[in-house]
C-alpha cells in the first residue's frame, strides 16, 4: 500500500470518528445557543482545510493533533466551558477532588483547552508553513509560536465582542471568564506555553539521529 493511500485512509477514519463524536456531543447540550457559537470554530477549521485541500493535506501526525484539539473543544461546547464536569469525573475515578487537591477555585477546563491549542496546533501550523516554503531552522519553530499567540489574541477579541453583543447569560457562557479579570491574558499565556513545548519537542526530534527519528515515526507498510 502506498503511503499517500494509507495516509488518505487514515484521515478518513479520523474524520469519521470525529463526525460520530460531534453528533454525540450535539445531543442535548447544556446551552444550545452557546454550543452553536462554539461550533463556528469547527466550521472555520473544516472550511480552511477544505479550501486548502489541493495545496495542503495534513500528515497523519498533524491530522491526529487537529482532531484531538477539536474533541477537547467539542466537550467544552457541549457542557459550556465553565461547567465541564471533569472534577466529578475525577472524583468518580479516584474518590478525591482534583480541584481541592490543586487548590483551584474555578473550573479549569478552558485553561486546559487554551494550553492544548498551543500544544496540539503549533505542529500543524509549522507543517503548513513548511509547505509554503519556510526553510528548516530557527524561524520554522518561532513562526508557529507567533501564529499561536496572534490567533489566540484574535480569538480573545472575538470572545469579548461576542460577550458584549450577546445577552447576559449567553454572553457569560461564551466568554467563560468566570469573573477572572486576567482571564484573556492567562489563556494566551497558556497557549504560548503549549506552543513552546510543542516546538521544543519538535526541534529535539528533528535534531535526533536518523535511526531515532525512524523509530519515532509511524511505521509504513511496504509498497505492493
N, C-alpha and C. Protein backbone atom coordinates (compact mmCIF):
# COMPACT_ATOMS: atom_id res chain seq x y z
N UNK A 1 0.85 -1.20 0.00
CA UNK A 1 0.00 0.00 0.00
C UNK A 1 0.88 1.24 0.00
N UNK A 2 0.64 2.19 -0.90
CA UNK A 2 1.42 3.39 -0.99
C UNK A 2 1.14 4.28 0.22
N UNK A 3 2.18 5.03 0.72
CA UNK A 3 1.98 5.90 1.87
C UNK A 3 0.85 6.90 1.67
N UNK A 4 0.74 7.53 0.46
CA UNK A 4 -0.31 8.52 0.23
C UNK A 4 -1.68 7.90 0.40
N UNK A 5 -1.84 6.67 -0.07
CA UNK A 5 -3.13 6.00 0.06
C UNK A 5 -3.43 5.68 1.51
N UNK A 6 -2.43 5.18 2.23
CA UNK A 6 -2.64 4.85 3.64
C UNK A 6 -2.93 6.11 4.46
N UNK A 7 -2.25 7.22 4.11
CA UNK A 7 -2.49 8.47 4.82
C UNK A 7 -3.91 8.98 4.56
N UNK A 8 -4.35 8.87 3.31
CA UNK A 8 -5.70 9.31 2.97
C UNK A 8 -6.74 8.49 3.72
N UNK A 9 -6.52 7.20 3.82
CA UNK A 9 -7.46 6.34 4.56
C UNK A 9 -7.45 6.69 6.04
N UNK A 10 -6.28 6.97 6.57
CA UNK A 10 -6.19 7.34 7.98
C UNK A 10 -6.95 8.63 8.26
N UNK A 11 -6.80 9.61 7.36
CA UNK A 11 -7.53 10.87 7.54
C UNK A 11 -9.04 10.65 7.47
N UNK A 12 -9.47 9.76 6.60
CA UNK A 12 -10.90 9.46 6.51
C UNK A 12 -11.41 8.79 7.77
N UNK A 13 -10.61 7.89 8.34
CA UNK A 13 -11.00 7.24 9.60
C UNK A 13 -11.11 8.28 10.72
N UNK A 14 -10.13 9.18 10.78
CA UNK A 14 -10.18 10.25 11.78
C UNK A 14 -11.42 11.12 11.60
N UNK A 15 -11.70 11.47 10.35
CA UNK A 15 -12.87 12.31 10.07
C UNK A 15 -14.16 11.61 10.48
N UNK A 16 -14.26 10.33 10.17
CA UNK A 16 -15.46 9.57 10.54
C UNK A 16 -15.61 9.48 12.05
N UNK A 17 -14.50 9.22 12.74
CA UNK A 17 -14.54 9.13 14.20
C UNK A 17 -14.95 10.46 14.82
N UNK A 18 -14.41 11.56 14.29
CA UNK A 18 -14.78 12.86 14.83
C UNK A 18 -16.24 13.19 14.53
N UNK A 19 -16.72 12.80 13.35
CA UNK A 19 -18.12 13.05 13.00
C UNK A 19 -19.06 12.35 13.98
N UNK A 20 -18.72 11.11 14.33
CA UNK A 20 -19.54 10.37 15.31
C UNK A 20 -19.51 11.07 16.66
N UNK A 21 -18.31 11.49 17.07
CA UNK A 21 -18.18 12.18 18.35
C UNK A 21 -18.94 13.51 18.33
N UNK A 22 -18.84 14.23 17.22
CA UNK A 22 -19.54 15.52 17.09
C UNK A 22 -21.05 15.32 17.22
N UNK A 23 -21.58 14.30 16.57
CA UNK A 23 -23.02 14.03 16.67
C UNK A 23 -23.41 13.70 18.10
N UNK A 24 -22.57 12.95 18.79
CA UNK A 24 -22.84 12.62 20.19
C UNK A 24 -22.89 13.87 21.05
N UNK A 25 -21.90 14.76 20.86
CA UNK A 25 -21.85 16.00 21.63
C UNK A 25 -22.96 16.98 21.23
N UNK A 26 -23.54 16.78 20.05
CA UNK A 26 -24.62 17.66 19.60
C UNK A 26 -25.95 17.31 20.24
N UNK A 27 -26.03 16.15 20.88
CA UNK A 27 -27.28 15.71 21.51
C UNK A 27 -27.46 16.41 22.86
N UNK A 28 -28.50 17.21 22.96
CA UNK A 28 -28.90 17.86 24.22
C UNK A 28 -27.74 18.54 24.94
N UNK A 29 -27.06 19.51 24.30
CA UNK A 29 -26.01 20.25 25.03
C UNK A 29 -26.62 21.09 26.14
N UNK A 30 -25.80 21.51 27.08
CA UNK A 30 -26.27 22.30 28.21
C UNK A 30 -26.90 23.61 27.75
N UNK A 31 -26.29 24.25 26.77
CA UNK A 31 -26.80 25.53 26.24
C UNK A 31 -26.69 25.47 24.72
N UNK A 32 -27.81 25.25 24.06
CA UNK A 32 -27.80 25.06 22.60
C UNK A 32 -27.24 26.27 21.87
N UNK A 33 -27.56 27.47 22.34
CA UNK A 33 -27.06 28.66 21.65
C UNK A 33 -25.53 28.78 21.79
N UNK A 34 -25.02 28.52 22.99
CA UNK A 34 -23.57 28.55 23.17
C UNK A 34 -22.90 27.45 22.36
N UNK A 35 -23.52 26.28 22.31
CA UNK A 35 -22.98 25.18 21.50
C UNK A 35 -22.86 25.60 20.04
N UNK A 36 -23.87 26.28 19.53
CA UNK A 36 -23.84 26.73 18.14
C UNK A 36 -22.72 27.74 17.91
N UNK A 37 -22.56 28.67 18.84
CA UNK A 37 -21.49 29.66 18.71
C UNK A 37 -20.12 29.00 18.75
N UNK A 38 -19.93 28.07 19.69
CA UNK A 38 -18.63 27.41 19.81
C UNK A 38 -18.31 26.59 18.57
N UNK A 39 -19.32 26.07 17.92
CA UNK A 39 -19.07 25.24 16.74
C UNK A 39 -18.75 26.05 15.48
N UNK A 40 -18.82 27.37 15.58
CA UNK A 40 -18.32 28.19 14.48
C UNK A 40 -16.82 27.94 14.27
N UNK A 41 -16.11 27.66 15.38
CA UNK A 41 -14.69 27.35 15.26
C UNK A 41 -14.48 26.07 14.46
N UNK A 42 -15.29 25.05 14.72
CA UNK A 42 -15.17 23.78 14.00
C UNK A 42 -15.47 24.00 12.52
N UNK A 43 -16.50 24.78 12.23
CA UNK A 43 -16.82 25.08 10.84
C UNK A 43 -15.67 25.83 10.16
N UNK A 44 -15.04 26.75 10.91
CA UNK A 44 -13.92 27.50 10.34
C UNK A 44 -12.74 26.61 10.01
N UNK A 45 -12.41 25.68 10.92
CA UNK A 45 -11.31 24.74 10.66
C UNK A 45 -11.63 23.86 9.46
N UNK A 46 -12.87 23.35 9.41
CA UNK A 46 -13.27 22.49 8.29
C UNK A 46 -13.21 23.25 6.97
N UNK A 47 -13.69 24.50 6.98
CA UNK A 47 -13.68 25.31 5.75
C UNK A 47 -12.25 25.59 5.29
N UNK A 48 -11.35 25.88 6.24
CA UNK A 48 -9.96 26.17 5.88
C UNK A 48 -9.28 24.94 5.28
N UNK A 49 -9.49 23.78 5.90
CA UNK A 49 -8.88 22.56 5.37
C UNK A 49 -9.46 22.18 4.01
N UNK A 50 -10.77 22.41 3.85
CA UNK A 50 -11.40 22.11 2.57
C UNK A 50 -10.90 23.03 1.47
N UNK A 51 -10.76 24.33 1.79
CA UNK A 51 -10.30 25.29 0.79
C UNK A 51 -8.86 25.03 0.38
N UNK A 52 -8.05 24.52 1.30
CA UNK A 52 -6.62 24.31 1.03
C UNK A 52 -6.28 22.90 0.60
N UNK A 53 -7.30 22.07 0.35
CA UNK A 53 -7.04 20.64 0.16
C UNK A 53 -6.15 20.35 -1.06
N UNK A 54 -6.15 21.21 -2.06
CA UNK A 54 -5.30 20.96 -3.24
C UNK A 54 -3.83 21.27 -2.96
N UNK A 55 -3.60 22.10 -1.95
CA UNK A 55 -2.23 22.54 -1.66
C UNK A 55 -1.69 21.96 -0.35
N UNK A 56 -2.59 21.62 0.56
CA UNK A 56 -2.14 21.11 1.84
C UNK A 56 -3.10 20.05 2.36
N UNK A 57 -2.54 18.88 2.64
CA UNK A 57 -3.28 17.82 3.31
C UNK A 57 -2.47 17.41 4.53
N UNK A 58 -3.06 17.47 5.71
CA UNK A 58 -2.28 17.21 6.92
C UNK A 58 -1.63 15.83 6.91
N UNK A 59 -0.44 15.76 7.44
CA UNK A 59 0.20 14.46 7.68
C UNK A 59 -0.61 13.72 8.73
N UNK A 60 -0.39 12.42 8.89
CA UNK A 60 -1.11 11.69 9.95
C UNK A 60 -0.92 12.30 11.33
N UNK A 61 0.30 12.74 11.62
CA UNK A 61 0.55 13.36 12.92
C UNK A 61 -0.25 14.64 13.08
N UNK A 62 -0.18 15.52 12.07
CA UNK A 62 -0.90 16.79 12.15
C UNK A 62 -2.40 16.57 12.21
N UNK A 63 -2.91 15.64 11.42
CA UNK A 63 -4.35 15.36 11.41
C UNK A 63 -4.81 14.86 12.78
N UNK A 64 -4.01 14.00 13.40
CA UNK A 64 -4.35 13.49 14.73
C UNK A 64 -4.39 14.62 15.75
N UNK A 65 -3.40 15.50 15.73
CA UNK A 65 -3.36 16.62 16.66
C UNK A 65 -4.55 17.54 16.49
N UNK A 66 -4.92 17.81 15.25
CA UNK A 66 -6.08 18.68 14.99
C UNK A 66 -7.35 18.07 15.54
N UNK A 67 -7.54 16.78 15.30
CA UNK A 67 -8.76 16.11 15.76
C UNK A 67 -8.80 16.05 17.29
N UNK A 68 -7.68 15.78 17.94
CA UNK A 68 -7.65 15.75 19.40
C UNK A 68 -8.06 17.11 19.96
N UNK A 69 -7.54 18.18 19.36
CA UNK A 69 -7.93 19.52 19.82
C UNK A 69 -9.42 19.76 19.63
N UNK A 70 -9.96 19.38 18.48
CA UNK A 70 -11.39 19.59 18.23
C UNK A 70 -12.26 18.76 19.17
N UNK A 71 -11.80 17.58 19.54
CA UNK A 71 -12.54 16.77 20.52
C UNK A 71 -12.61 17.50 21.87
N UNK A 72 -11.47 18.04 22.32
CA UNK A 72 -11.46 18.80 23.56
C UNK A 72 -12.40 20.00 23.47
N UNK A 73 -12.38 20.66 22.33
CA UNK A 73 -13.26 21.82 22.14
C UNK A 73 -14.72 21.41 22.15
N UNK A 74 -15.05 20.30 21.54
CA UNK A 74 -16.44 19.85 21.49
C UNK A 74 -16.98 19.51 22.88
N UNK A 75 -16.13 18.97 23.74
CA UNK A 75 -16.55 18.70 25.11
C UNK A 75 -16.92 20.01 25.80
N UNK A 76 -16.08 21.03 25.61
CA UNK A 76 -16.39 22.34 26.18
C UNK A 76 -17.64 22.94 25.60
N UNK A 77 -17.88 22.74 24.32
CA UNK A 77 -19.09 23.26 23.68
C UNK A 77 -20.34 22.56 24.20
N UNK A 78 -20.23 21.27 24.46
CA UNK A 78 -21.40 20.51 24.93
C UNK A 78 -21.83 20.94 26.32
N UNK A 79 -20.88 21.06 27.23
CA UNK A 79 -21.21 21.36 28.63
C UNK A 79 -21.21 22.86 28.93
N UNK A 80 -20.69 23.68 28.03
CA UNK A 80 -20.18 25.05 28.23
C UNK A 80 -18.89 24.94 29.03
N UNK A 81 -17.92 25.77 28.64
CA UNK A 81 -16.58 25.62 29.19
C UNK A 81 -16.52 25.74 30.71
N UNK A 82 -17.37 26.60 31.27
CA UNK A 82 -17.32 26.82 32.72
C UNK A 82 -17.96 25.69 33.51
N UNK A 83 -18.60 24.75 32.83
CA UNK A 83 -19.34 23.70 33.54
C UNK A 83 -18.95 22.28 33.14
N UNK A 84 -17.82 22.10 32.48
CA UNK A 84 -17.38 20.75 32.13
C UNK A 84 -17.11 19.97 33.43
N UNK A 85 -17.75 18.83 33.63
CA UNK A 85 -17.67 18.14 34.94
C UNK A 85 -16.43 17.26 35.09
N UNK A 86 -15.26 17.80 34.79
CA UNK A 86 -14.05 17.00 34.92
C UNK A 86 -13.77 16.63 36.37
N UNK A 87 -14.11 17.54 37.30
CA UNK A 87 -13.84 17.24 38.71
C UNK A 87 -14.72 16.10 39.21
N UNK A 88 -15.98 16.10 38.76
CA UNK A 88 -16.86 15.00 39.14
C UNK A 88 -16.36 13.68 38.56
N UNK A 89 -15.88 13.72 37.32
CA UNK A 89 -15.34 12.51 36.69
C UNK A 89 -14.09 12.04 37.43
N UNK A 90 -13.25 12.98 37.85
CA UNK A 90 -12.04 12.62 38.60
C UNK A 90 -12.39 11.99 39.94
N UNK A 91 -13.39 12.57 40.60
CA UNK A 91 -13.82 12.01 41.89
C UNK A 91 -14.40 10.61 41.71
N UNK A 92 -15.13 10.39 40.63
CA UNK A 92 -15.68 9.06 40.37
C UNK A 92 -14.58 8.02 40.16
N UNK A 93 -13.46 8.46 39.55
CA UNK A 93 -12.35 7.54 39.29
C UNK A 93 -11.47 7.32 40.50
N UNK A 94 -11.23 8.39 41.27
CA UNK A 94 -10.23 8.32 42.34
C UNK A 94 -10.80 8.47 43.74
N UNK A 95 -12.03 9.00 43.84
CA UNK A 95 -12.60 9.27 45.15
C UNK A 95 -12.14 10.57 45.76
N UNK A 96 -11.37 11.37 45.01
CA UNK A 96 -10.85 12.65 45.50
C UNK A 96 -11.17 13.76 44.52
N UNK A 97 -11.22 14.98 45.03
CA UNK A 97 -11.48 16.14 44.18
C UNK A 97 -10.17 16.67 43.61
N UNK A 98 -10.08 16.76 42.31
CA UNK A 98 -8.89 17.32 41.67
C UNK A 98 -8.77 18.81 41.99
N UNK A 99 -9.88 19.52 41.97
CA UNK A 99 -9.85 20.96 42.28
C UNK A 99 -9.31 21.21 43.68
N UNK A 100 -9.79 20.42 44.65
CA UNK A 100 -9.31 20.60 46.02
C UNK A 100 -7.83 20.26 46.14
N UNK A 101 -7.41 19.19 45.47
CA UNK A 101 -6.01 18.78 45.54
C UNK A 101 -5.08 19.85 44.95
N UNK A 102 -5.55 20.51 43.88
CA UNK A 102 -4.73 21.52 43.21
C UNK A 102 -4.96 22.93 43.76
N UNK A 103 -5.96 23.08 44.64
CA UNK A 103 -6.26 24.39 45.19
C UNK A 103 -6.95 25.32 44.21
N UNK A 104 -7.67 24.75 43.24
CA UNK A 104 -8.36 25.56 42.23
C UNK A 104 -9.70 26.03 42.76
N UNK A 105 -10.02 27.29 42.49
CA UNK A 105 -11.29 27.85 42.92
C UNK A 105 -12.28 27.99 41.77
N UNK A 106 -11.89 27.64 40.57
CA UNK A 106 -12.74 27.78 39.39
C UNK A 106 -12.63 26.53 38.54
N UNK A 107 -13.52 26.40 37.58
CA UNK A 107 -13.43 25.31 36.61
C UNK A 107 -12.28 25.62 35.65
N UNK A 108 -11.34 24.72 35.54
CA UNK A 108 -10.12 24.99 34.78
C UNK A 108 -10.14 24.38 33.38
N UNK A 109 -11.27 23.88 32.93
CA UNK A 109 -11.26 23.19 31.64
C UNK A 109 -10.88 24.13 30.50
N UNK A 110 -11.35 25.38 30.56
CA UNK A 110 -11.00 26.32 29.49
C UNK A 110 -9.50 26.55 29.43
N UNK A 111 -8.84 26.54 30.60
CA UNK A 111 -7.39 26.69 30.62
C UNK A 111 -6.71 25.51 29.91
N UNK A 112 -7.22 24.31 30.16
CA UNK A 112 -6.68 23.12 29.50
C UNK A 112 -6.77 23.25 27.99
N UNK A 113 -7.91 23.71 27.49
CA UNK A 113 -8.09 23.77 26.04
C UNK A 113 -7.23 24.87 25.42
N UNK A 114 -7.05 25.98 26.12
CA UNK A 114 -6.15 27.02 25.60
C UNK A 114 -4.71 26.51 25.57
N UNK A 115 -4.30 25.80 26.61
CA UNK A 115 -2.98 25.17 26.59
C UNK A 115 -2.89 24.17 25.46
N UNK A 116 -3.95 23.38 25.28
CA UNK A 116 -3.98 22.40 24.20
C UNK A 116 -3.94 23.04 22.82
N UNK A 117 -4.49 24.25 22.71
CA UNK A 117 -4.44 24.95 21.42
C UNK A 117 -3.00 25.12 20.96
N UNK A 118 -2.15 25.60 21.87
CA UNK A 118 -0.74 25.77 21.51
C UNK A 118 -0.02 24.45 21.37
N UNK A 119 -0.27 23.53 22.32
CA UNK A 119 0.44 22.26 22.32
C UNK A 119 0.09 21.40 21.11
N UNK A 120 -1.17 21.40 20.71
CA UNK A 120 -1.63 20.49 19.66
C UNK A 120 -1.60 21.11 18.26
N UNK A 121 -1.73 22.42 18.15
CA UNK A 121 -1.84 23.02 16.82
C UNK A 121 -0.57 23.71 16.33
N UNK A 122 0.41 23.90 17.19
CA UNK A 122 1.66 24.51 16.73
C UNK A 122 2.32 23.65 15.65
N UNK A 123 2.29 22.33 15.85
CA UNK A 123 2.91 21.44 14.86
C UNK A 123 2.20 21.52 13.50
N UNK A 124 0.86 21.43 13.44
CA UNK A 124 0.21 21.62 12.14
C UNK A 124 0.49 22.99 11.53
N UNK A 125 0.56 24.04 12.34
CA UNK A 125 0.90 25.37 11.82
C UNK A 125 2.29 25.34 11.18
N UNK A 126 3.24 24.69 11.85
CA UNK A 126 4.59 24.59 11.29
C UNK A 126 4.58 23.81 9.99
N UNK A 127 3.79 22.75 9.96
CA UNK A 127 3.72 21.94 8.75
C UNK A 127 3.19 22.76 7.57
N UNK A 128 2.18 23.56 7.81
CA UNK A 128 1.64 24.42 6.75
C UNK A 128 2.71 25.40 6.27
N UNK A 129 3.41 26.03 7.21
CA UNK A 129 4.43 26.99 6.85
C UNK A 129 5.56 26.35 6.06
N UNK A 130 5.93 25.12 6.43
CA UNK A 130 6.97 24.43 5.68
C UNK A 130 6.51 24.14 4.25
N UNK A 131 5.23 23.79 4.10
CA UNK A 131 4.69 23.56 2.75
C UNK A 131 4.68 24.85 1.93
N UNK A 132 4.57 26.00 2.62
CA UNK A 132 4.54 27.28 1.92
C UNK A 132 5.94 27.80 1.61
N UNK A 133 6.96 27.09 2.05
CA UNK A 133 8.31 27.46 1.66
C UNK A 133 9.22 27.94 2.78
N UNK A 134 8.73 27.95 4.03
CA UNK A 134 9.61 28.31 5.14
C UNK A 134 10.67 27.23 5.29
N UNK A 135 11.92 27.65 5.33
CA UNK A 135 13.01 26.68 5.38
C UNK A 135 13.24 26.20 6.81
N UNK A 136 13.71 24.96 6.97
CA UNK A 136 14.03 24.47 8.31
C UNK A 136 15.04 25.38 9.00
N UNK A 137 14.87 25.54 10.27
CA UNK A 137 15.76 26.42 11.02
C UNK A 137 14.99 27.12 12.13
N UNK A 138 15.63 28.10 12.74
CA UNK A 138 15.05 28.78 13.90
C UNK A 138 13.67 29.35 13.61
N UNK A 139 13.52 30.01 12.45
CA UNK A 139 12.24 30.66 12.15
C UNK A 139 11.12 29.65 11.95
N UNK A 140 11.46 28.46 11.52
CA UNK A 140 10.40 27.45 11.33
C UNK A 140 9.80 27.02 12.67
N UNK A 141 10.51 27.29 13.77
CA UNK A 141 9.98 26.99 15.11
C UNK A 141 9.37 28.23 15.76
N UNK A 142 9.92 29.41 15.46
CA UNK A 142 9.40 30.64 16.07
C UNK A 142 8.08 31.09 15.44
N UNK A 143 7.95 30.94 14.13
CA UNK A 143 6.74 31.42 13.46
C UNK A 143 5.47 30.74 13.95
N UNK A 144 5.45 29.41 14.17
CA UNK A 144 4.23 28.80 14.72
C UNK A 144 3.87 29.33 16.10
N UNK A 145 4.87 29.63 16.93
CA UNK A 145 4.60 30.22 18.25
C UNK A 145 3.96 31.58 18.09
N UNK A 146 4.50 32.39 17.16
CA UNK A 146 3.92 33.70 16.88
C UNK A 146 2.49 33.58 16.38
N UNK A 147 2.25 32.58 15.53
CA UNK A 147 0.91 32.40 14.98
C UNK A 147 -0.07 31.98 16.06
N UNK A 148 0.37 31.11 16.97
CA UNK A 148 -0.49 30.72 18.09
C UNK A 148 -0.85 31.94 18.93
N UNK A 149 0.14 32.78 19.23
CA UNK A 149 -0.14 33.98 20.03
C UNK A 149 -1.06 34.94 19.30
N UNK A 150 -0.83 35.14 18.00
CA UNK A 150 -1.66 36.07 17.23
C UNK A 150 -3.10 35.58 17.14
N UNK A 151 -3.29 34.31 16.83
CA UNK A 151 -4.65 33.79 16.71
C UNK A 151 -5.34 33.71 18.07
N UNK A 152 -4.57 33.47 19.13
CA UNK A 152 -5.15 33.48 20.48
C UNK A 152 -5.67 34.87 20.82
N UNK A 153 -4.90 35.89 20.47
CA UNK A 153 -5.33 37.27 20.72
C UNK A 153 -6.59 37.61 19.92
N UNK A 154 -6.62 37.17 18.66
CA UNK A 154 -7.80 37.42 17.83
C UNK A 154 -9.02 36.74 18.42
N UNK A 155 -8.84 35.50 18.90
CA UNK A 155 -9.97 34.77 19.49
C UNK A 155 -10.46 35.46 20.77
N UNK A 156 -9.55 35.97 21.58
CA UNK A 156 -9.96 36.68 22.79
C UNK A 156 -10.75 37.95 22.44
N UNK A 157 -10.36 38.62 21.37
CA UNK A 157 -11.12 39.80 20.92
C UNK A 157 -12.51 39.40 20.44
N UNK A 158 -12.58 38.27 19.74
CA UNK A 158 -13.89 37.79 19.28
C UNK A 158 -14.77 37.43 20.48
N UNK A 159 -14.19 36.77 21.47
CA UNK A 159 -14.95 36.44 22.68
C UNK A 159 -15.47 37.70 23.36
N UNK A 160 -14.62 38.71 23.47
CA UNK A 160 -15.01 39.97 24.11
C UNK A 160 -16.16 40.62 23.35
N UNK A 161 -16.03 40.73 22.02
CA UNK A 161 -17.08 41.36 21.24
C UNK A 161 -18.37 40.54 21.29
N UNK A 162 -18.22 39.20 21.28
CA UNK A 162 -19.40 38.35 21.38
C UNK A 162 -20.11 38.51 22.70
N UNK A 163 -19.33 38.58 23.80
CA UNK A 163 -19.93 38.74 25.12
C UNK A 163 -20.66 40.07 25.24
N UNK A 164 -20.12 41.12 24.61
CA UNK A 164 -20.77 42.43 24.64
C UNK A 164 -22.06 42.42 23.82
N UNK A 165 -22.02 41.73 22.67
CA UNK A 165 -23.17 41.75 21.77
C UNK A 165 -24.31 40.85 22.23
N UNK A 166 -23.98 39.78 22.96
CA UNK A 166 -24.99 38.80 23.37
C UNK A 166 -25.61 39.19 24.70
N UNK A 167 -26.75 38.57 25.02
CA UNK A 167 -27.38 38.85 26.31
C UNK A 167 -26.54 38.27 27.44
N UNK A 168 -26.84 38.67 28.67
CA UNK A 168 -26.01 38.35 29.82
C UNK A 168 -25.65 36.90 29.99
N UNK A 169 -26.64 36.00 30.02
CA UNK A 169 -26.36 34.59 30.27
C UNK A 169 -25.57 33.95 29.16
N UNK A 170 -25.98 34.15 27.93
CA UNK A 170 -25.27 33.57 26.79
C UNK A 170 -23.89 34.20 26.63
N UNK A 171 -23.80 35.50 26.87
CA UNK A 171 -22.51 36.17 26.77
C UNK A 171 -21.51 35.63 27.78
N UNK A 172 -21.96 35.40 29.02
CA UNK A 172 -21.06 34.86 30.04
C UNK A 172 -20.66 33.43 29.72
N UNK A 173 -21.60 32.63 29.19
CA UNK A 173 -21.28 31.25 28.82
C UNK A 173 -20.24 31.20 27.71
N UNK A 174 -20.38 32.12 26.74
CA UNK A 174 -19.45 32.15 25.60
C UNK A 174 -18.08 32.65 26.04
N UNK A 175 -18.06 33.66 26.90
CA UNK A 175 -16.80 34.23 27.36
C UNK A 175 -16.07 33.29 28.33
N UNK A 176 -16.82 32.66 29.23
CA UNK A 176 -16.27 31.68 30.18
C UNK A 176 -15.13 32.25 31.02
N UNK A 177 -15.19 33.54 31.35
CA UNK A 177 -14.13 34.15 32.15
C UNK A 177 -14.24 33.79 33.62
N UNK A 178 -15.43 33.45 34.07
CA UNK A 178 -15.67 33.06 35.47
C UNK A 178 -15.15 34.12 36.45
N UNK A 179 -15.43 35.38 36.12
CA UNK A 179 -15.12 36.53 36.98
C UNK A 179 -13.62 36.75 37.18
N UNK A 180 -12.79 36.20 36.32
CA UNK A 180 -11.34 36.40 36.40
C UNK A 180 -10.96 37.55 35.47
N UNK A 181 -10.52 38.67 36.06
CA UNK A 181 -10.21 39.85 35.25
C UNK A 181 -9.00 39.64 34.35
N UNK A 182 -8.17 38.64 34.65
CA UNK A 182 -6.99 38.36 33.84
C UNK A 182 -7.19 37.11 32.98
N UNK A 183 -8.43 36.75 32.74
CA UNK A 183 -8.72 35.51 32.01
C UNK A 183 -8.08 35.49 30.63
N UNK A 184 -8.23 36.56 29.87
CA UNK A 184 -7.70 36.59 28.50
C UNK A 184 -6.18 36.44 28.50
N UNK A 185 -5.51 37.16 29.42
CA UNK A 185 -4.05 37.09 29.47
C UNK A 185 -3.57 35.69 29.86
N UNK A 186 -4.24 35.08 30.82
CA UNK A 186 -3.86 33.73 31.24
C UNK A 186 -4.08 32.73 30.11
N UNK A 187 -5.19 32.88 29.37
CA UNK A 187 -5.46 31.97 28.26
C UNK A 187 -4.37 32.07 27.19
N UNK A 188 -3.99 33.30 26.85
CA UNK A 188 -2.95 33.48 25.83
C UNK A 188 -1.60 32.97 26.32
N UNK A 189 -1.31 33.18 27.61
CA UNK A 189 -0.04 32.69 28.15
C UNK A 189 0.03 31.17 28.10
N UNK A 190 -1.08 30.50 28.41
CA UNK A 190 -1.09 29.04 28.37
C UNK A 190 -0.95 28.53 26.94
N UNK A 191 -1.61 29.21 25.99
CA UNK A 191 -1.45 28.81 24.59
C UNK A 191 0.00 28.97 24.14
N UNK A 192 0.63 30.07 24.56
CA UNK A 192 2.04 30.29 24.22
C UNK A 192 2.92 29.21 24.84
N UNK A 193 2.66 28.86 26.10
CA UNK A 193 3.43 27.81 26.76
C UNK A 193 3.28 26.48 26.02
N UNK A 194 2.05 26.15 25.64
CA UNK A 194 1.82 24.92 24.90
C UNK A 194 2.59 24.89 23.59
N UNK A 195 2.59 26.02 22.87
CA UNK A 195 3.30 26.06 21.59
C UNK A 195 4.81 25.98 21.79
N UNK A 196 5.32 26.59 22.86
CA UNK A 196 6.75 26.49 23.16
C UNK A 196 7.16 25.05 23.42
N UNK A 197 6.34 24.34 24.20
CA UNK A 197 6.64 22.93 24.47
C UNK A 197 6.57 22.10 23.19
N UNK A 198 5.56 22.36 22.36
CA UNK A 198 5.41 21.60 21.12
C UNK A 198 6.59 21.83 20.18
N UNK A 199 7.00 23.09 20.02
CA UNK A 199 8.10 23.38 19.12
C UNK A 199 9.44 22.92 19.71
N UNK A 200 9.56 22.97 21.04
CA UNK A 200 10.77 22.43 21.66
C UNK A 200 10.89 20.94 21.42
N UNK A 201 9.78 20.22 21.59
CA UNK A 201 9.79 18.78 21.35
C UNK A 201 10.06 18.48 19.88
N UNK A 202 9.47 19.26 18.99
CA UNK A 202 9.69 19.06 17.55
C UNK A 202 11.16 19.29 17.19
N UNK A 203 11.75 20.34 17.75
CA UNK A 203 13.16 20.63 17.47
C UNK A 203 14.06 19.51 17.97
N UNK A 204 13.76 18.97 19.15
CA UNK A 204 14.57 17.87 19.68
C UNK A 204 14.46 16.64 18.80
N UNK A 205 13.24 16.34 18.32
CA UNK A 205 13.06 15.18 17.45
C UNK A 205 13.77 15.38 16.11
N UNK A 206 13.74 16.62 15.59
CA UNK A 206 14.40 16.89 14.33
C UNK A 206 15.92 16.78 14.44
N UNK A 207 16.44 17.07 15.63
CA UNK A 207 17.89 17.01 15.84
C UNK A 207 18.37 15.62 16.23
N UNK A 208 17.41 14.73 16.49
CA UNK A 208 17.78 13.36 16.87
C UNK A 208 18.45 12.66 15.70
N UNK A 209 19.32 11.67 15.97
CA UNK A 209 19.92 10.90 14.88
C UNK A 209 18.85 10.26 14.02
N UNK A 210 19.17 10.04 12.76
CA UNK A 210 18.21 9.49 11.80
C UNK A 210 17.57 8.19 12.27
N UNK A 211 18.31 7.22 12.85
CA UNK A 211 17.66 5.99 13.31
C UNK A 211 16.61 6.26 14.39
N UNK A 212 16.88 7.24 15.28
CA UNK A 212 15.92 7.56 16.34
C UNK A 212 14.66 8.15 15.74
N UNK A 213 14.83 9.02 14.72
CA UNK A 213 13.66 9.60 14.06
C UNK A 213 12.86 8.52 13.38
N UNK A 214 13.56 7.55 12.79
CA UNK A 214 12.85 6.47 12.10
C UNK A 214 12.03 5.65 13.08
N UNK A 215 12.60 5.43 14.29
CA UNK A 215 11.85 4.68 15.30
C UNK A 215 10.66 5.46 15.81
N UNK A 216 10.80 6.82 15.88
CA UNK A 216 9.71 7.65 16.38
C UNK A 216 8.61 7.80 15.35
N UNK A 217 8.95 7.69 14.05
CA UNK A 217 7.96 7.87 13.00
C UNK A 217 7.05 6.66 12.93
N UNK A 218 5.77 6.85 12.49
CA UNK A 218 4.87 5.71 12.35
C UNK A 218 5.36 4.77 11.27
N UNK A 219 5.20 3.49 11.51
CA UNK A 219 5.62 2.52 10.52
C UNK A 219 4.75 2.58 9.29
N UNK A 220 5.31 2.38 8.16
CA UNK A 220 4.57 2.40 6.90
C UNK A 220 4.62 1.02 6.28
N UNK A 221 3.53 0.61 5.72
CA UNK A 221 3.51 -0.67 5.04
C UNK A 221 4.32 -0.60 3.76
N UNK A 222 5.03 -1.63 3.43
CA UNK A 222 5.82 -1.60 2.18
C UNK A 222 4.92 -1.52 0.97
N UNK A 223 5.41 -0.84 -0.06
CA UNK A 223 4.61 -0.72 -1.30
C UNK A 223 4.44 -2.08 -1.93
N UNK A 224 3.26 -2.25 -2.48
CA UNK A 224 2.98 -3.53 -3.16
C UNK A 224 2.77 -3.25 -4.66
